[in-house]
Amino acid sequence: MKKLLLTILITGTFIISSCKKSLLDQDNPNTLTQEQFWKTEDDAQKGVNAIYHMFYQPGSWSRWGYFRLDLTSDEGFSKSPWIELADWTRFQYVNYNFFEGNQVSYRDTYKAIFRCNQVLTYVPGITFADQNKKAQMLGEAKFLRGLYYYYAALLWENFPIVTTIQSPIDLPQQSSLAQVWAQAEKDLSEAAAVLPSQWTGNDIGRATKGAAFALLGKTYMQQRKWAQARTAFDYLVKGAGAGFYGLVDYKDNFRAENENNKESVFEIQFSDANKTAEGDVPNSSMGNNRAQFFAPRSIGWSDGQARNWLVAEFKKEKTIDGKIDQRLRYSLFYPGLEADFGDKTYGRSWQWDADEAWFKKYSRDYMRNNEDYYNQINNRMIRFSDILLMYAEANNELGQTAEAYQYVNRVRQRVNLAPLATAYPAIGNDQSLFRERLKMERVLELCGESVRWADLKRWGDLETQASVAKVALRDPDFNNFVPGKHIRLPLPQLEVENNINLKQNPNY
């Protein structure tokens, strides 16, 4: 027996030593290694496309981005029977690792940043026939990294900055809010310098120079750097990019038709081409779950809805010809929708509580299509009307209130409202009164578009107990809000425990 085993061992050793090394060293046909990839222009393009693909991930803009930004603000809330989910719109954060409320968004933000860092690390070493094309690809990656740092600053604030490719054992250092804003500023400024003013053909929807300047301006606005913000917005409002942007029929901003129109500064290109599972798999869904997530009860999941005070706000001022502001028709489902405009809700008469309201923007009710899980309507992440109102805000904060009026009036005129000075003559050139009115102008134009949380933070409405109490009059969930704490989300506790360089956010 021992001789047999020895013979087998010797024979096996001889066979192995006789094999050619090339026969054992085979490439995996299903997975390219880092050394095999990042060689050609096509590889670079695929790397950039992979960053855009992060918009289709659940922690990003497929689902939970809306949950975090719309429902936590005073525009929305949740009455979901999933109690822990609803608690995360009520500032009752018990489990910091709650996947849907926190962890998945944190994870997908880092995944997107990692993909940006791949492009910015490897593409400079690839030979391009056209150096301008190479610069534009790098500009796209910087824009998208700046975009994710912008939202990280809004949500977690002290978000660890990573600008190089990390290994699983790396422990990123804690970053301050000021550092995160600075990184976003740097990325967006550099992107604006090289991105094209417009794209054509199949490239429509990629980041443009106007998108970079717009997001850079919004980044400055959140830091109350009013002069820098106005300068960034100049490109779109008065500068070289002004001819590319304007206002369109209001409803066309939220439908599958007339997408990528002149009012759209940057929008996410959704599609219902892949009616498959969501996630980071080759043929994953390229749509979003917003319509299903926010649809009224008995129609969709109904995990998030709008506050009814929005309806009352829309009805406070009539148009020049005495009608209801048409933006209400396309912004919200509410009990009086059929009586006011003749519109049913997904083809049905309203059948719920009298004080209810639901977000209508980006819904598919007008298409009479029940497959809302795979909503293909593009999300207009940045609209020109948003930029006009921010431009007015920056001018007002710089003491140029009289100059600010015209930009608000462009937005009001679109829906046949009287000029601001005519409708509210008491404002005059009073900076404070103009600011307070602008707050309502923004909510009427932009409610349900994921900007209100940033607005409340920028205006300082969440900084003191007294200011929060005023917000709570519109949204009782803010009775749970603790200034200095809930202005930001907790970091996922797993991240803190696994990284000695991280500290949990203040007061958590």
Protein backbone atom coordinates (compact mmCIF):
# COMPACT_ATOMS: atom_id res chain seq x y z
CA MET A 1 0.00 0.00 0.00
CA LYS A 2 2.80 2.38 0.92
CA LYS A 3 4.64 1.53 -2.35
CA LEU A 4 1.43 2.21 -4.32
CA LEU A 5 0.95 5.59 -2.66
CA LEU A 6 4.60 6.49 -3.28
CA THR A 7 4.25 5.53 -6.96
CA ILE A 8 1.08 7.65 -7.34
CA LEU A 9 2.79 10.62 -5.64
CA ILE A 10 5.91 10.40 -7.85
CA THR A 11 3.83 9.98 -11.01
CA GLY A 12 1.58 12.92 -10.08
CA THR A 13 4.55 15.12 -9.35
CA PHE A 14 6.07 14.25 -12.72
CA ILE A 15 2.83 15.02 -14.58
CA ILE A 16 2.39 18.39 -12.84
CA SER A 17 6.01 19.40 -13.40
CA SER A 18 5.71 18.39 -17.06
CA CYS A 19 2.62 20.57 -17.73
CA LYS A 20 3.20 23.81 -19.58
CA LYS A 21 2.71 26.84 -17.36
CA SER A 22 0.54 28.43 -20.04
CA LEU A 23 -2.02 25.63 -19.71
CA LEU A 24 -2.50 26.36 -16.03
CA ASP A 25 -2.43 30.14 -16.35
CA GLN A 26 -5.83 30.68 -18.00
CA ASP A 27 -7.87 33.91 -18.12
CA ASN A 28 -11.33 33.88 -16.63
CA PRO A 29 -13.59 34.37 -19.68
CA ASN A 30 -16.25 36.06 -17.53
CA THR A 31 -14.12 38.59 -15.65
CA LEU A 32 -11.40 40.91 -16.85
CA THR A 33 -8.67 41.79 -14.41
CA GLN A 34 -7.49 45.31 -13.71
CA GLU A 35 -4.36 44.59 -15.74
CA GLN A 36 -6.42 43.45 -18.76
CA PHE A 37 -8.87 46.37 -18.67
CA TRP A 38 -8.25 50.14 -18.87
CA LYS A 39 -6.30 49.78 -22.14
CA THR A 40 -8.45 51.42 -24.81
CA GLU A 41 -10.81 54.34 -25.41
CA ASP A 42 -13.66 51.83 -25.36
CA ASP A 43 -12.57 50.66 -21.89
CA ALA A 44 -12.56 54.26 -20.73
CA GLN A 45 -16.07 54.82 -22.08
CA LYS A 46 -17.34 51.71 -20.34
CA GLY A 47 -15.79 52.91 -17.11
CA VAL A 48 -17.58 56.25 -17.37
CA ASN A 49 -20.87 54.54 -18.27
CA ALA A 50 -20.53 52.40 -15.15
CA ILE A 51 -20.67 55.56 -13.03
CA TYR A 52 -23.93 56.66 -14.66
CA HIS A 53 -25.27 53.18 -14.00
CA MET A 54 -25.16 53.92 -10.29
CA PHE A 55 -28.26 56.11 -10.76
CA TYR A 56 -30.19 52.84 -11.23
CA GLN A 57 -29.14 51.42 -7.88
CA PRO A 58 -31.71 51.29 -5.03
CA GLY A 59 -29.62 53.36 -2.63
CA SER A 60 -29.30 56.09 -5.21
CA TRP A 61 -32.07 57.40 -7.50
CA SER A 62 -33.89 54.17 -8.23
CA ARG A 63 -35.71 54.40 -4.89
CA TRP A 64 -34.16 55.56 -1.64
CA GLY A 65 -32.85 58.93 -2.79
CA TYR A 66 -36.44 60.21 -2.92
CA PHE A 67 -37.21 58.67 0.45
CA ARG A 68 -34.32 60.47 2.09
CA LEU A 69 -34.78 63.89 0.50
CA ASP A 70 -38.52 64.28 -0.07
CA LEU A 71 -40.05 62.51 2.90
CA THR A 72 -37.67 63.85 5.54
CA SER A 73 -38.47 67.42 4.52
CA ASP A 74 -41.65 69.22 5.54
CA GLU A 75 -43.16 68.39 2.13
CA GLY A 76 -43.58 64.69 2.81
CA PHE A 77 -43.94 61.94 5.37
CA SER A 78 -44.67 58.24 5.68
CA LYS A 79 -47.57 56.33 7.18
CA SER A 80 -46.13 53.04 6.04
CA PRO A 81 -47.11 49.99 8.14
CA TRP A 82 -43.41 49.21 8.04
CA ILE A 83 -42.81 51.09 11.29
CA GLU A 84 -39.03 51.31 11.16
CA LEU A 85 -39.21 52.68 7.63
CA ALA A 86 -41.70 55.38 8.63
CA ASP A 87 -39.62 56.22 11.72
CA TRP A 88 -36.79 57.33 9.47
CA THR A 89 -39.00 60.14 8.17
CA ARG A 90 -39.89 61.07 11.77
CA PHE A 91 -36.30 61.56 12.98
CA GLN A 92 -36.59 58.47 15.18
CA TYR A 93 -33.33 56.77 14.30
CA VAL A 94 -32.86 53.72 16.51
CA ASN A 95 -30.88 51.32 14.36
CA TYR A 96 -28.19 53.34 12.59
CA ASN A 97 -27.55 50.32 10.37
CA PHE A 98 -31.15 50.20 9.11
CA PHE A 99 -30.56 49.15 5.53
CA GLU A 100 -33.35 50.98 3.70
CA GLY A 101 -33.13 54.13 5.80
CA ASN A 102 -29.37 54.63 5.84
CA GLN A 103 -26.97 51.86 4.96
CA VAL A 104 -27.93 51.23 1.33
CA SER A 105 -27.66 54.92 0.41
CA TYR A 106 -24.28 55.21 2.14
CA ARG A 107 -23.08 52.06 0.37
CA ASP A 108 -24.18 53.12 -3.10
CA THR A 109 -22.74 56.60 -2.65
CA TYR A 110 -19.35 55.04 -1.99
CA LYS A 111 -19.73 52.62 -4.88
CA ALA A 112 -20.39 55.53 -7.22
CA ILE A 113 -17.38 57.44 -5.89
CA PHE A 114 -15.22 54.31 -6.30
CA ARG A 115 -16.21 54.09 -9.95
CA CYS A 116 -15.37 57.76 -10.43
CA ASN A 117 -11.97 57.18 -8.85
CA GLN A 118 -11.31 54.26 -11.19
CA VAL A 119 -11.84 56.45 -14.23
CA LEU A 120 -9.78 59.31 -12.79
CA THR A 121 -6.94 56.92 -11.93
CA TYR A 122 -6.68 54.76 -15.05
CA VAL A 123 -8.00 56.82 -17.96
CA PRO A 124 -5.13 59.38 -17.86
CA GLY A 125 -2.80 56.50 -18.82
CA ILE A 126 -4.84 55.47 -21.88
CA THR A 127 -3.81 56.76 -25.31
CA PHE A 128 -6.58 58.69 -27.10
CA ALA A 129 -6.66 59.85 -30.70
CA ASP A 130 -8.61 62.90 -29.57
CA GLN A 131 -7.33 64.50 -26.36
CA ASN A 132 -10.48 66.58 -26.06
CA LYS A 133 -12.55 63.40 -25.84
CA LYS A 134 -10.28 62.16 -23.07
CA ALA A 135 -10.63 65.42 -21.15
CA GLN A 136 -14.41 65.27 -21.48
CA MET A 137 -14.53 61.74 -20.06
CA LEU A 138 -12.46 62.83 -17.10
CA GLY A 139 -14.78 65.82 -16.74
CA GLU A 140 -17.80 63.52 -16.60
CA ALA A 141 -16.17 61.50 -13.83
CA LYS A 142 -15.36 64.66 -11.87
CA PHE A 143 -18.90 65.98 -12.30
CA LEU A 144 -20.40 62.72 -11.05
CA ARG A 145 -18.00 62.49 -8.13
CA GLY A 146 -18.84 66.09 -7.25
CA LEU A 147 -22.54 65.22 -7.48
CA TYR A 148 -22.21 62.35 -5.02
CA TYR A 149 -20.15 64.43 -2.62
CA TYR A 150 -22.81 67.16 -2.83
CA TYR A 151 -25.49 64.72 -1.66
CA ALA A 152 -23.16 63.16 0.92
CA ALA A 153 -22.67 66.63 2.40
CA LEU A 154 -26.44 67.18 2.49
CA LEU A 155 -27.16 63.86 4.19
CA TRP A 156 -24.26 62.78 6.41
CA GLU A 157 -22.10 65.94 6.35
CA ASN A 158 -18.92 64.45 7.93
CA PHE A 159 -18.46 61.97 5.09
CA PRO A 160 -14.99 60.45 4.64
CA ILE A 161 -13.45 61.74 1.41
CA VAL A 162 -11.86 59.15 -0.85
CA THR A 163 -10.22 60.31 -4.08
CA THR A 164 -7.98 57.31 -4.79
CA ILE A 165 -8.75 53.66 -5.37
CA GLN A 166 -9.14 51.98 -2.01
CA SER A 167 -8.43 48.44 -0.95
CA PRO A 168 -10.74 46.54 1.43
CA ILE A 169 -8.34 47.08 4.34
CA ASP A 170 -8.05 50.87 3.94
CA LEU A 171 -9.51 53.03 6.71
CA PRO A 172 -10.45 56.46 5.33
CA GLN A 173 -9.94 59.44 7.58
CA GLN A 174 -12.85 61.43 8.99
CA SER A 175 -13.71 64.47 6.86
CA SER A 176 -15.46 67.62 8.02
CA LEU A 177 -18.45 69.13 6.24
CA ALA A 178 -16.26 72.00 5.03
CA GLN A 179 -13.82 69.50 3.50
CA VAL A 180 -16.62 67.64 1.71
CA TRP A 181 -17.95 70.88 0.24
CA ALA A 182 -14.43 71.84 -0.82
CA GLN A 183 -14.01 68.51 -2.63
CA ALA A 184 -17.32 68.98 -4.43
CA GLU A 185 -16.29 72.51 -5.42
CA LYS A 186 -12.98 71.28 -6.81
CA ASP A 187 -14.52 68.45 -8.81
CA LEU A 188 -17.32 70.56 -10.26
CA SER A 189 -15.05 73.50 -11.13
CA GLU A 190 -12.66 71.22 -12.98
CA ALA A 191 -15.56 69.47 -14.71
CA ALA A 192 -17.06 72.79 -15.87
CA ALA A 193 -13.76 73.72 -17.50
CA VAL A 194 -13.73 70.75 -19.89
CA LEU A 195 -17.28 69.50 -20.39
CA PRO A 196 -19.07 70.37 -23.65
CA SER A 197 -21.95 72.82 -23.66
CA GLN A 198 -24.21 70.23 -25.28
CA TRP A 199 -24.21 66.60 -26.37
CA THR A 200 -25.88 65.08 -29.42
CA GLY A 201 -27.29 61.72 -30.49
CA ASN A 202 -26.93 58.85 -28.06
CA ASP A 203 -24.79 61.00 -25.76
CA ILE A 204 -27.67 63.33 -24.84
CA GLY A 205 -28.14 63.12 -21.08
CA ARG A 206 -24.47 63.15 -20.19
CA ALA A 207 -23.14 65.89 -17.93
CA THR A 208 -22.68 69.26 -19.64
CA LYS A 209 -20.85 72.46 -18.80
CA GLY A 210 -24.17 73.98 -17.72
CA ALA A 211 -24.88 71.05 -15.40
CA ALA A 212 -21.46 71.45 -13.77
CA PHE A 213 -21.90 75.20 -13.27
CA ALA A 214 -25.44 74.66 -11.94
CA LEU A 215 -24.37 72.07 -9.37
CA LEU A 216 -21.33 74.15 -8.47
CA GLY A 217 -23.65 77.09 -7.82
CA LYS A 218 -25.89 74.92 -5.66
CA THR A 219 -22.80 73.77 -3.74
CA TYR A 220 -21.86 77.40 -3.06
CA MET A 221 -25.47 78.19 -2.09
CA GLN A 222 -25.46 75.55 0.64
CA GLN A 223 -22.41 77.25 2.14
CA ARG A 224 -24.00 80.70 1.74
CA LYS A 225 -21.24 81.77 -0.59
CA TRP A 226 -23.68 83.98 -2.46
CA ALA A 227 -21.26 85.82 -4.74
CA GLN A 228 -19.55 82.63 -5.92
CA ALA A 229 -22.95 80.99 -6.47
CA ARG A 230 -24.18 83.88 -8.60
CA THR A 231 -21.00 83.76 -10.67
CA ALA A 232 -21.48 80.03 -11.31
CA PHE A 233 -25.13 80.54 -12.27
CA ASP A 234 -24.16 83.38 -14.61
CA TYR A 235 -23.19 80.85 -17.28
CA LEU A 236 -26.79 79.59 -17.50
CA VAL A 237 -28.68 82.83 -16.91
CA LYS A 238 -26.62 85.56 -18.61
CA GLY A 239 -23.47 83.95 -19.95
CA ALA A 240 -22.38 81.74 -22.81
CA GLY A 241 -24.83 78.98 -21.89
CA ALA A 242 -27.93 81.15 -21.63
CA GLY A 243 -29.12 80.25 -25.13
CA PHE A 244 -29.34 76.58 -24.23
CA TYR A 245 -31.83 76.99 -21.38
CA GLY A 246 -35.37 78.23 -20.96
CA LEU A 247 -38.78 77.28 -19.58
CA VAL A 248 -41.21 74.84 -21.22
CA ASP A 249 -44.79 73.78 -20.60
CA TYR A 250 -44.74 72.93 -16.88
CA LYS A 251 -46.14 69.41 -17.20
CA ASP A 252 -43.45 68.45 -19.71
CA ASN A 253 -40.91 68.40 -16.89
CA PHE A 254 -42.44 65.26 -15.36
CA ARG A 255 -43.51 63.07 -18.25
CA ALA A 256 -41.88 60.52 -20.53
CA GLU A 257 -42.54 62.81 -23.49
CA ASN A 258 -40.37 65.84 -24.28
CA GLU A 259 -37.51 64.65 -22.11
CA ASN A 260 -34.12 66.38 -22.20
CA ASN A 261 -35.84 69.63 -23.13
CA LYS A 262 -34.37 73.11 -22.74
CA GLU A 263 -35.52 73.40 -19.12
CA SER A 264 -33.57 70.31 -18.14
CA VAL A 265 -30.08 71.17 -16.95
CA PHE A 266 -29.33 67.61 -15.86
CA GLU A 267 -31.62 64.62 -15.81
CA ILE A 268 -31.26 60.93 -15.09
CA GLN A 269 -32.01 58.79 -18.13
CA PHE A 270 -34.45 56.14 -16.97
CA SER A 271 -35.88 53.36 -19.15
CA ASP A 272 -38.25 50.42 -18.83
CA ALA A 273 -36.18 48.39 -21.31
CA ASN A 274 -35.02 45.91 -18.67
CA LYS A 275 -37.99 44.72 -16.63
CA THR A 276 -35.81 42.68 -14.33
CA ALA A 277 -34.51 42.82 -10.78
CA GLU A 278 -32.90 45.97 -9.46
CA GLY A 279 -29.27 46.02 -8.38
CA ASP A 280 -25.78 45.91 -9.80
CA VAL A 281 -26.19 43.06 -12.30
CA PRO A 282 -25.66 43.14 -16.08
CA ASN A 283 -29.33 43.35 -17.12
CA SER A 284 -30.73 45.13 -14.08
CA SER A 285 -33.68 47.47 -14.22
CA MET A 286 -32.88 50.86 -15.71
CA GLY A 287 -36.08 52.36 -14.37
CA ASN A 288 -37.02 53.73 -11.00
CA ASN A 289 -39.53 52.85 -8.30
CA ARG A 290 -40.68 56.38 -7.48
CA ALA A 291 -44.18 56.10 -8.98
CA GLN A 292 -44.82 52.78 -7.22
CA PHE A 293 -43.22 53.99 -3.99
CA PHE A 294 -45.28 57.21 -3.78
CA ALA A 295 -48.55 56.10 -5.41
CA PRO A 296 -51.78 56.52 -3.39
CA ARG A 297 -53.13 53.62 -1.38
CA SER A 298 -54.67 50.71 -3.32
CA ILE A 299 -52.61 51.79 -6.34
CA GLY A 300 -48.98 51.44 -5.24
CA TRP A 301 -46.83 50.75 -2.21
CA SER A 302 -47.86 54.09 -0.66
CA ASP A 303 -44.76 54.31 1.54
CA GLY A 304 -44.46 58.06 1.12
CA GLN A 305 -46.92 60.87 0.63
CA ALA A 306 -47.16 64.65 0.55
CA ARG A 307 -48.25 67.02 3.31
CA ASN A 308 -51.67 68.55 2.70
CA TRP A 309 -50.45 72.09 3.51
CA LEU A 310 -48.99 72.15 0.02
CA VAL A 311 -52.48 72.04 -1.52
CA ALA A 312 -53.61 74.99 0.58
CA GLU A 313 -50.50 76.95 -0.38
CA PHE A 314 -51.16 76.46 -4.09
CA LYS A 315 -54.69 77.82 -3.69
CA LYS A 316 -53.76 81.02 -1.85
CA GLU A 317 -53.07 82.96 -5.04
CA LYS A 318 -55.11 82.84 -8.24
CA THR A 319 -53.71 83.37 -11.73
CA ILE A 320 -54.25 86.59 -13.67
CA ASP A 321 -57.45 85.14 -15.15
CA GLY A 322 -58.73 83.94 -11.77
CA LYS A 323 -57.85 80.26 -12.04
CA ILE A 324 -56.00 77.84 -9.74
CA ASP A 325 -52.25 77.65 -10.27
CA GLN A 326 -51.89 74.86 -12.85
CA ARG A 327 -48.76 73.56 -11.12
CA LEU A 328 -51.02 72.03 -8.49
CA ARG A 329 -52.59 69.86 -11.19
CA TYR A 330 -49.26 68.27 -12.08
CA SER A 331 -47.63 68.28 -8.64
CA LEU A 332 -50.08 66.50 -6.33
CA PHE A 333 -52.91 64.02 -6.07
CA TYR A 334 -55.45 65.36 -3.58
CA PRO A 335 -59.19 65.06 -2.78
CA GLY A 336 -60.24 68.03 -4.91
CA LEU A 337 -58.20 67.17 -8.02
CA GLU A 338 -61.21 66.02 -10.03
CA ALA A 339 -63.37 68.95 -8.98
CA ASP A 340 -60.61 71.50 -9.61
CA PHE A 341 -59.19 70.23 -12.88
CA GLY A 342 -61.36 67.31 -14.02
CA ASP A 343 -58.54 64.83 -13.47
CA LYS A 344 -59.04 61.45 -11.86
CA THR A 345 -56.30 59.62 -9.99
CA TYR A 346 -54.99 56.75 -12.08
CA GLY A 347 -58.39 56.77 -13.77
CA ARG A 348 -60.30 56.60 -10.49
CA SER A 349 -62.30 59.07 -8.44
CA TRP A 350 -60.64 60.03 -5.16
CA GLN A 351 -61.56 57.57 -2.43
CA TRP A 352 -59.35 58.39 0.54
CA ASP A 353 -59.29 60.73 3.53
CA ALA A 354 -60.14 64.37 2.88
CA ASP A 355 -56.83 65.72 4.20
CA GLU A 356 -54.57 63.48 2.15
CA ALA A 357 -52.18 64.45 -0.61
CA TRP A 358 -49.71 62.42 -2.67
CA PHE A 359 -46.84 63.34 -4.95
CA LYS A 360 -47.91 63.28 -8.59
CA LYS A 361 -44.70 64.41 -10.30
CA TYR A 362 -43.08 61.58 -12.28
CA SER A 363 -46.15 59.38 -11.81
CA ARG A 364 -47.48 57.36 -14.72
CA ASP A 365 -51.18 57.90 -14.07
CA TYR A 366 -51.65 59.66 -17.41
CA MET A 367 -50.25 56.62 -19.22
CA ARG A 368 -52.76 54.20 -17.61
CA ASN A 369 -50.00 51.67 -17.22
CA ASN A 370 -49.93 49.41 -14.18
CA GLU A 371 -46.29 48.41 -14.55
CA ASP A 372 -45.10 51.32 -12.44
CA TYR A 373 -42.38 49.27 -10.80
CA TYR A 374 -40.31 49.95 -13.92
CA ASN A 375 -40.98 53.65 -14.30
CA GLN A 376 -39.15 55.00 -17.36
CA ILE A 377 -39.77 58.72 -16.78
CA ASN A 378 -36.50 60.63 -16.56
CA ASN A 379 -35.84 62.45 -13.31
CA ARG A 380 -35.00 66.09 -13.97
CA MET A 381 -32.43 66.43 -11.22
CA ILE A 382 -31.69 70.10 -11.99
CA ARG A 383 -34.24 72.30 -13.77
CA PHE A 384 -33.62 75.77 -15.14
CA SER A 385 -36.49 77.17 -13.05
CA ASP A 386 -34.60 76.00 -9.94
CA ILE A 387 -31.55 77.91 -11.16
CA LEU A 388 -33.58 81.07 -11.83
CA LEU A 389 -35.01 81.01 -8.30
CA MET A 390 -31.57 80.39 -6.79
CA TYR A 391 -30.15 83.20 -8.89
CA ALA A 392 -32.83 85.46 -7.44
CA GLU A 393 -32.00 84.22 -3.94
CA ALA A 394 -28.27 84.89 -4.38
CA ASN A 395 -28.97 88.42 -5.64
CA ASN A 396 -31.28 89.09 -2.71
CA GLU A 397 -28.72 87.86 -0.19
CA LEU A 398 -26.14 90.16 -1.82
CA GLY A 399 -28.42 93.12 -1.18
CA GLN A 400 -29.68 93.37 -4.76
CA THR A 401 -33.34 92.65 -4.10
CA ALA A 402 -34.60 94.83 -6.95
CA GLU A 403 -32.43 92.84 -9.39
CA ALA A 404 -33.81 89.56 -8.03
CA TYR A 405 -37.45 90.21 -8.95
CA GLN A 406 -37.09 89.55 -12.68
CA TYR A 407 -35.91 85.95 -12.20
CA VAL A 408 -38.82 85.07 -9.94
CA ASN A 409 -41.18 86.71 -12.41
CA ARG A 410 -39.92 84.50 -15.26
CA VAL A 411 -41.02 81.46 -13.28
CA ARG A 412 -44.36 83.01 -12.25
CA GLN A 413 -45.15 84.25 -15.76
CA ARG A 414 -44.89 80.71 -17.13
CA VAL A 415 -48.01 79.74 -15.10
CA ASN A 416 -49.81 83.07 -15.64
CA LEU A 417 -49.28 84.53 -12.18
CA ALA A 418 -49.00 88.29 -11.75
CA PRO A 419 -45.55 89.83 -11.32
CA LEU A 420 -44.27 89.50 -7.78
CA ALA A 421 -44.40 93.24 -7.04
CA THR A 422 -48.04 93.36 -8.16
CA ALA A 423 -49.10 90.31 -6.16
CA TYR A 424 -47.11 91.20 -3.03
CA PRO A 425 -46.43 94.97 -3.05
CA ALA A 426 -45.58 95.02 0.66
CA ILE A 427 -42.29 93.24 -0.05
CA GLY A 428 -40.73 96.20 -1.80
CA ASN A 429 -36.95 96.03 -1.45
CA ASP A 430 -37.08 94.43 1.98
CA GLN A 431 -34.53 91.61 1.87
CA SER A 432 -36.17 89.61 4.66
CA LEU A 433 -39.67 89.82 3.19
CA PHE A 434 -38.35 88.85 -0.24
CA ARG A 435 -36.56 85.87 1.28
CA GLU A 436 -39.71 84.64 3.01
CA ARG A 437 -41.76 84.92 -0.17
CA LEU A 438 -39.06 83.17 -2.17
CA LYS A 439 -39.35 80.21 0.17
CA MET A 440 -42.94 79.74 -0.94
CA GLU A 441 -42.12 80.42 -4.59
CA ARG A 442 -39.64 77.56 -4.47
CA VAL A 443 -42.01 75.10 -2.85
CA LEU A 444 -44.78 75.86 -5.37
CA GLU A 445 -42.44 75.37 -8.29
CA LEU A 446 -40.31 72.51 -6.98
CA CYS A 447 -42.24 70.49 -4.38
CA GLY A 448 -41.54 66.77 -4.61
CA GLU A 449 -38.32 67.29 -6.57
CA SER A 450 -35.89 66.45 -3.77
CA VAL A 451 -34.64 70.01 -3.16
CA ARG A 452 -36.59 71.03 -0.05
CA TRP A 453 -34.24 69.41 2.48
CA ALA A 454 -31.33 71.41 1.04
CA ASP A 455 -33.48 74.55 1.12
CA LEU A 456 -34.39 74.15 4.80
CA LYS A 457 -30.75 73.65 5.72
CA ARG A 458 -29.53 76.58 3.63
CA TRP A 459 -32.11 78.96 5.09
CA GLY A 460 -31.15 78.05 8.65
CA ASP A 461 -34.70 76.86 9.36
CA LEU A 462 -33.37 73.78 11.17
CA GLU A 463 -30.72 75.43 13.34
CA THR A 464 -32.66 76.51 16.44
CA GLN A 465 -35.57 75.15 18.41
CA ALA A 466 -37.59 78.26 17.58
CA SER A 467 -37.05 77.93 13.82
CA VAL A 468 -37.78 74.20 13.88
CA ALA A 469 -41.03 74.89 15.76
CA LYS A 470 -42.20 76.97 12.79
CA VAL A 471 -41.45 74.09 10.41
CA ALA A 472 -43.33 71.74 12.74
CA LEU A 473 -46.49 73.78 12.21
CA ARG A 474 -46.46 72.43 8.66
CA ASP A 475 -45.04 69.02 9.49
CA PRO A 476 -45.62 67.57 13.00
CA ASP A 477 -42.74 65.12 12.48
CA PHE A 478 -40.40 68.03 13.19
CA ASN A 479 -41.58 67.96 16.81
CA ASN A 480 -39.08 65.08 17.08
CA PHE A 481 -36.28 67.09 15.45
CA VAL A 482 -33.31 67.89 17.68
CA PRO A 483 -31.24 70.87 16.45
CA GLY A 484 -27.54 70.04 16.20
CA LYS A 485 -28.34 66.36 15.77
CA HIS A 486 -30.93 65.62 13.10
CA ILE A 487 -29.51 68.20 10.71
CA ARG A 488 -27.48 65.23 9.48
CA LEU A 489 -27.95 61.45 9.39
CA PRO A 490 -25.94 59.15 11.63
CA LEU A 491 -23.11 57.33 9.92
CA PRO A 492 -23.92 53.61 9.65
CA GLN A 493 -22.69 52.17 12.92
CA LEU A 494 -20.93 49.32 11.14
CA GLU A 495 -18.73 51.86 9.36
CA VAL A 496 -17.78 53.47 12.66
CA GLU A 497 -17.05 50.16 14.36
CA ASN A 498 -14.95 48.88 11.46
CA ASN A 499 -12.91 52.05 10.98
CA ILE A 500 -10.89 53.40 13.91
CA ASN A 501 -10.52 56.70 12.02
CA LEU A 502 -14.26 57.43 12.12
CA LYS A 503 -16.33 58.96 14.89
CA GLN A 504 -20.11 58.85 14.94
CA ASN A 505 -21.78 62.12 13.97
CA PRO A 506 -22.38 64.60 16.82
CA ASN A 507 -25.11 63.84 19.35
CA TYR A 508 -25.72 60.30 18.06
